[in-house]
N, C-alpha and C. Protein backbone atom coordinates (compact mmCIF):
# COMPACT_ATOMS: atom_id res chain seq x y z
N MET A 1 -10.08 -42.78 10.53
CA MET A 1 -9.50 -42.48 9.23
C MET A 1 -8.45 -43.53 8.85
N THR A 2 -7.62 -43.89 9.81
CA THR A 2 -6.57 -44.87 9.54
C THR A 2 -7.17 -46.22 9.18
N PHE A 3 -8.23 -46.61 9.89
CA PHE A 3 -8.87 -47.89 9.62
C PHE A 3 -9.42 -47.94 8.19
N MET A 4 -10.06 -46.86 7.76
CA MET A 4 -10.59 -46.80 6.39
C MET A 4 -9.46 -46.88 5.37
N PHE A 5 -8.37 -46.20 5.66
CA PHE A 5 -7.23 -46.21 4.74
C PHE A 5 -6.66 -47.62 4.61
N ILE A 6 -6.57 -48.34 5.71
CA ILE A 6 -6.05 -49.71 5.67
C ILE A 6 -6.95 -50.61 4.83
N ILE A 7 -8.24 -50.45 4.97
CA ILE A 7 -9.19 -51.25 4.18
C ILE A 7 -9.04 -50.93 2.69
N ILE A 8 -8.99 -49.65 2.37
CA ILE A 8 -8.84 -49.24 0.97
C ILE A 8 -7.51 -49.72 0.41
N ALA A 9 -6.44 -49.66 1.21
CA ALA A 9 -5.12 -50.12 0.77
C ALA A 9 -5.14 -51.62 0.49
N ALA A 10 -5.74 -52.39 1.37
CA ALA A 10 -5.81 -53.84 1.18
C ALA A 10 -6.60 -54.19 -0.08
N LEU A 11 -7.71 -53.51 -0.29
CA LEU A 11 -8.51 -53.76 -1.48
C LEU A 11 -7.76 -53.36 -2.75
N SER A 12 -7.01 -52.27 -2.68
CA SER A 12 -6.23 -51.82 -3.83
C SER A 12 -5.17 -52.85 -4.21
N ILE A 13 -4.44 -53.33 -3.21
CA ILE A 13 -3.39 -54.32 -3.47
C ILE A 13 -4.00 -55.62 -3.98
N TYR A 14 -5.11 -56.06 -3.39
CA TYR A 14 -5.76 -57.29 -3.85
C TYR A 14 -6.21 -57.17 -5.30
N TYR A 15 -6.89 -56.08 -5.63
CA TYR A 15 -7.41 -55.90 -6.98
C TYR A 15 -6.28 -55.77 -8.00
N MET A 16 -5.22 -55.06 -7.62
CA MET A 16 -4.08 -54.90 -8.53
C MET A 16 -3.41 -56.24 -8.78
N ASN A 17 -3.24 -57.05 -7.73
CA ASN A 17 -2.64 -58.38 -7.90
C ASN A 17 -3.52 -59.28 -8.76
N LYS A 18 -4.82 -59.15 -8.60
CA LYS A 18 -5.75 -59.94 -9.41
C LYS A 18 -5.61 -59.57 -10.89
N LEU A 19 -5.54 -58.28 -11.17
CA LEU A 19 -5.37 -57.83 -12.56
C LEU A 19 -4.02 -58.26 -13.14
N MET A 20 -2.96 -58.17 -12.34
CA MET A 20 -1.64 -58.60 -12.81
C MET A 20 -1.60 -60.09 -13.07
N ASP A 21 -2.27 -60.88 -12.24
CA ASP A 21 -2.32 -62.32 -12.45
C ASP A 21 -3.02 -62.65 -13.77
N GLU A 22 -4.13 -61.97 -14.04
CA GLU A 22 -4.83 -62.19 -15.31
C GLU A 22 -3.96 -61.78 -16.49
N PHE A 23 -3.23 -60.67 -16.35
CA PHE A 23 -2.32 -60.22 -17.40
C PHE A 23 -1.23 -61.25 -17.66
N CYS A 24 -0.61 -61.75 -16.60
CA CYS A 24 0.47 -62.73 -16.75
C CYS A 24 -0.04 -64.02 -17.37
N ASN A 25 -1.23 -64.46 -16.98
CA ASN A 25 -1.80 -65.67 -17.56
C ASN A 25 -2.15 -65.47 -19.03
N GLN A 26 -2.66 -64.30 -19.37
CA GLN A 26 -3.03 -64.02 -20.75
C GLN A 26 -1.81 -63.95 -21.65
N ARG A 27 -0.73 -63.36 -21.16
CA ARG A 27 0.50 -63.20 -21.94
C ARG A 27 1.44 -64.40 -21.82
N GLU A 28 1.06 -65.38 -20.99
CA GLU A 28 1.86 -66.59 -20.76
C GLU A 28 3.29 -66.24 -20.34
N ILE A 29 3.40 -65.42 -19.32
CA ILE A 29 4.70 -64.99 -18.79
C ILE A 29 5.22 -66.07 -17.86
N SER A 30 6.53 -66.34 -17.93
CA SER A 30 7.12 -67.40 -17.12
C SER A 30 7.07 -67.06 -15.63
N GLY A 31 7.27 -68.08 -14.80
CA GLY A 31 7.17 -67.91 -13.35
C GLY A 31 8.16 -66.92 -12.78
N LYS A 32 9.42 -66.95 -13.27
CA LYS A 32 10.44 -66.05 -12.75
C LYS A 32 10.11 -64.60 -13.11
N GLN A 33 9.69 -64.36 -14.34
CA GLN A 33 9.32 -63.01 -14.76
C GLN A 33 8.07 -62.55 -14.02
N GLU A 34 7.15 -63.48 -13.79
CA GLU A 34 5.92 -63.14 -13.09
C GLU A 34 6.22 -62.67 -11.66
N ARG A 35 7.12 -63.37 -10.97
CA ARG A 35 7.50 -62.96 -9.62
C ARG A 35 8.12 -61.57 -9.62
N THR A 36 8.95 -61.28 -10.64
CA THR A 36 9.57 -59.96 -10.75
C THR A 36 8.52 -58.88 -10.98
N ILE A 37 7.57 -59.17 -11.84
CA ILE A 37 6.49 -58.21 -12.12
C ILE A 37 5.69 -57.92 -10.86
N PHE A 38 5.33 -58.98 -10.14
CA PHE A 38 4.56 -58.80 -8.90
C PHE A 38 5.36 -58.03 -7.86
N ARG A 39 6.66 -58.33 -7.73
CA ARG A 39 7.50 -57.66 -6.73
C ARG A 39 7.59 -56.16 -7.03
N VAL A 40 7.84 -55.82 -8.29
CA VAL A 40 7.96 -54.41 -8.66
C VAL A 40 6.63 -53.69 -8.49
N ALA A 41 5.56 -54.29 -8.96
CA ALA A 41 4.25 -53.64 -8.87
C ALA A 41 3.81 -53.48 -7.42
N ASN A 42 4.01 -54.51 -6.61
CA ASN A 42 3.62 -54.40 -5.20
C ASN A 42 4.49 -53.39 -4.46
N GLY A 43 5.77 -53.35 -4.79
CA GLY A 43 6.66 -52.36 -4.17
C GLY A 43 6.24 -50.94 -4.49
N THR A 44 5.96 -50.68 -5.75
CA THR A 44 5.54 -49.33 -6.13
C THR A 44 4.17 -49.00 -5.55
N THR A 45 3.29 -49.99 -5.43
CA THR A 45 1.98 -49.75 -4.82
C THR A 45 2.12 -49.40 -3.35
N VAL A 46 3.00 -50.11 -2.64
CA VAL A 46 3.21 -49.81 -1.22
C VAL A 46 3.78 -48.41 -1.05
N ILE A 47 4.73 -48.04 -1.91
CA ILE A 47 5.29 -46.68 -1.85
C ILE A 47 4.19 -45.65 -2.11
N TRP A 48 3.37 -45.90 -3.11
CA TRP A 48 2.27 -44.99 -3.42
C TRP A 48 1.30 -44.88 -2.25
N LEU A 49 0.94 -46.00 -1.63
CA LEU A 49 0.02 -45.97 -0.50
C LEU A 49 0.64 -45.26 0.70
N PHE A 50 1.92 -45.49 0.94
CA PHE A 50 2.60 -44.84 2.06
C PHE A 50 2.61 -43.32 1.87
N THR A 51 2.98 -42.86 0.68
CA THR A 51 3.03 -41.41 0.45
C THR A 51 1.63 -40.80 0.49
N THR A 52 0.64 -41.54 0.01
CA THR A 52 -0.74 -41.04 0.08
C THR A 52 -1.19 -40.92 1.53
N TYR A 53 -0.85 -41.91 2.34
CA TYR A 53 -1.22 -41.87 3.76
C TYR A 53 -0.56 -40.68 4.45
N ILE A 54 0.71 -40.46 4.19
CA ILE A 54 1.42 -39.33 4.79
C ILE A 54 0.77 -38.01 4.37
N GLU A 55 0.43 -37.91 3.08
CA GLU A 55 -0.19 -36.67 2.58
C GLU A 55 -1.55 -36.43 3.22
N VAL A 56 -2.36 -37.47 3.32
CA VAL A 56 -3.70 -37.32 3.89
C VAL A 56 -3.65 -36.99 5.38
N MET A 57 -2.75 -37.63 6.09
CA MET A 57 -2.72 -37.45 7.54
C MET A 57 -2.02 -36.17 7.99
N PHE A 58 -1.03 -35.69 7.24
CA PHE A 58 -0.21 -34.60 7.75
C PHE A 58 -0.27 -33.30 6.94
N PHE A 59 -0.90 -33.32 5.78
CA PHE A 59 -0.94 -32.09 4.97
C PHE A 59 -2.35 -31.66 4.68
């Protein structure tokens, strides 16, 4: 179960970063703002994945 979750988590983060990169390129967002967007989005994604893992494994 853990192995599957890790694969799904990696694919989720990859796909989300790919979509954010396309968004930033389309909107012509500067490099500093782009780093901030990626940091916030990846942080919230990791929190979401962590809480989902805890919920699936223990509840």
